[in-house]
Amino acid sequence: MILTRDNDFSDMAIFFGPPTKVLHLGIRNCRWQKMAAPIVENHAELLLELERPDLAVVEFS
């Protein structure tokens, strides 16, 4: 899995498809705690989404 704020990885995952998993953070210019908060708060849902074989990108904002 790739954790990024860069659109390039998300675009490549959409173009080439799974099995690459990209967790794209749409949060910019903030402390790491603010970036980590959506992941921590939604970890159960995130794990379910990442198990889907047809899914390449999960976006958090």
Protein backbone atom coordinates (compact mmCIF):
# COMPACT_ATOMS: atom_id res chain seq x y z
CA MET A 1 0.00 0.00 0.00
CA ILE A 2 1.17 3.50 -0.80
CA LEU A 3 0.19 6.38 1.50
CA THR A 4 0.52 9.68 -0.33
CA ARG A 5 -0.74 13.20 -0.78
CA ASP A 6 0.43 13.18 -4.40
CA ASN A 7 -2.10 12.61 -7.21
CA ASP A 8 0.43 10.80 -9.40
CA PHE A 9 0.18 7.54 -7.45
CA SER A 10 -3.62 7.67 -7.44
CA ASP A 11 -3.69 8.35 -11.17
CA MET A 12 -1.36 5.41 -11.87
CA ALA A 13 -3.42 3.07 -9.66
CA ILE A 14 -6.60 4.08 -11.49
CA PHE A 15 -4.93 3.67 -14.89
CA PHE A 16 -3.22 0.33 -14.17
CA GLY A 17 -5.82 -0.95 -11.68
CA PRO A 18 -5.38 -3.26 -8.70
CA PRO A 19 -3.50 -4.91 -6.98
CA THR A 20 -1.69 -1.68 -6.05
CA LYS A 21 -3.49 -0.02 -3.16
CA VAL A 22 -3.17 3.73 -2.78
CA LEU A 23 -4.41 5.63 0.24
CA HIS A 24 -4.62 9.21 -1.02
CA LEU A 25 -4.78 11.97 1.57
CA GLY A 26 -6.46 15.08 0.26
CA ILE A 27 -5.21 17.04 3.28
CA ARG A 28 -2.53 19.61 2.51
CA ASN A 29 -0.14 21.80 4.48
CA CYS A 30 -0.83 20.66 8.02
CA ARG A 31 0.80 18.81 10.87
CA TRP A 32 1.12 15.03 10.69
CA GLN A 33 -1.44 14.62 13.51
CA LYS A 34 -4.14 16.19 11.34
CA MET A 35 -3.17 13.94 8.42
CA ALA A 36 -3.20 10.82 10.62
CA ALA A 37 -6.53 11.59 12.29
CA PRO A 38 -8.81 10.38 9.43
CA ILE A 39 -6.82 7.15 9.17
CA VAL A 40 -7.03 6.46 12.89
CA GLU A 41 -10.69 7.47 13.17
CA ASN A 42 -11.75 5.34 10.18
CA HIS A 43 -9.31 2.43 10.47
CA ALA A 44 -11.99 -0.30 10.51
CA GLU A 45 -13.66 1.04 7.35
CA LEU A 46 -10.26 1.56 5.74
CA LEU A 47 -9.27 -2.07 6.34
CA LEU A 48 -12.52 -3.27 4.75
CA GLU A 49 -11.97 -1.07 1.71
CA LEU A 50 -8.37 -2.23 1.30
CA GLU A 51 -9.47 -5.88 1.27
CA ARG A 52 -11.61 -5.32 -1.83
CA PRO A 53 -9.76 -6.84 -4.79
CA ASP A 54 -11.36 -4.45 -7.31
CA LEU A 55 -10.35 -1.28 -5.47
CA ALA A 56 -7.12 0.58 -6.26
CA VAL A 57 -7.55 3.96 -4.49
CA VAL A 58 -9.05 5.02 -1.18
CA GLU A 59 -9.29 8.79 -0.70
CA PHE A 60 -9.39 10.67 2.57
CA SER A 61 -9.88 14.41 2.82
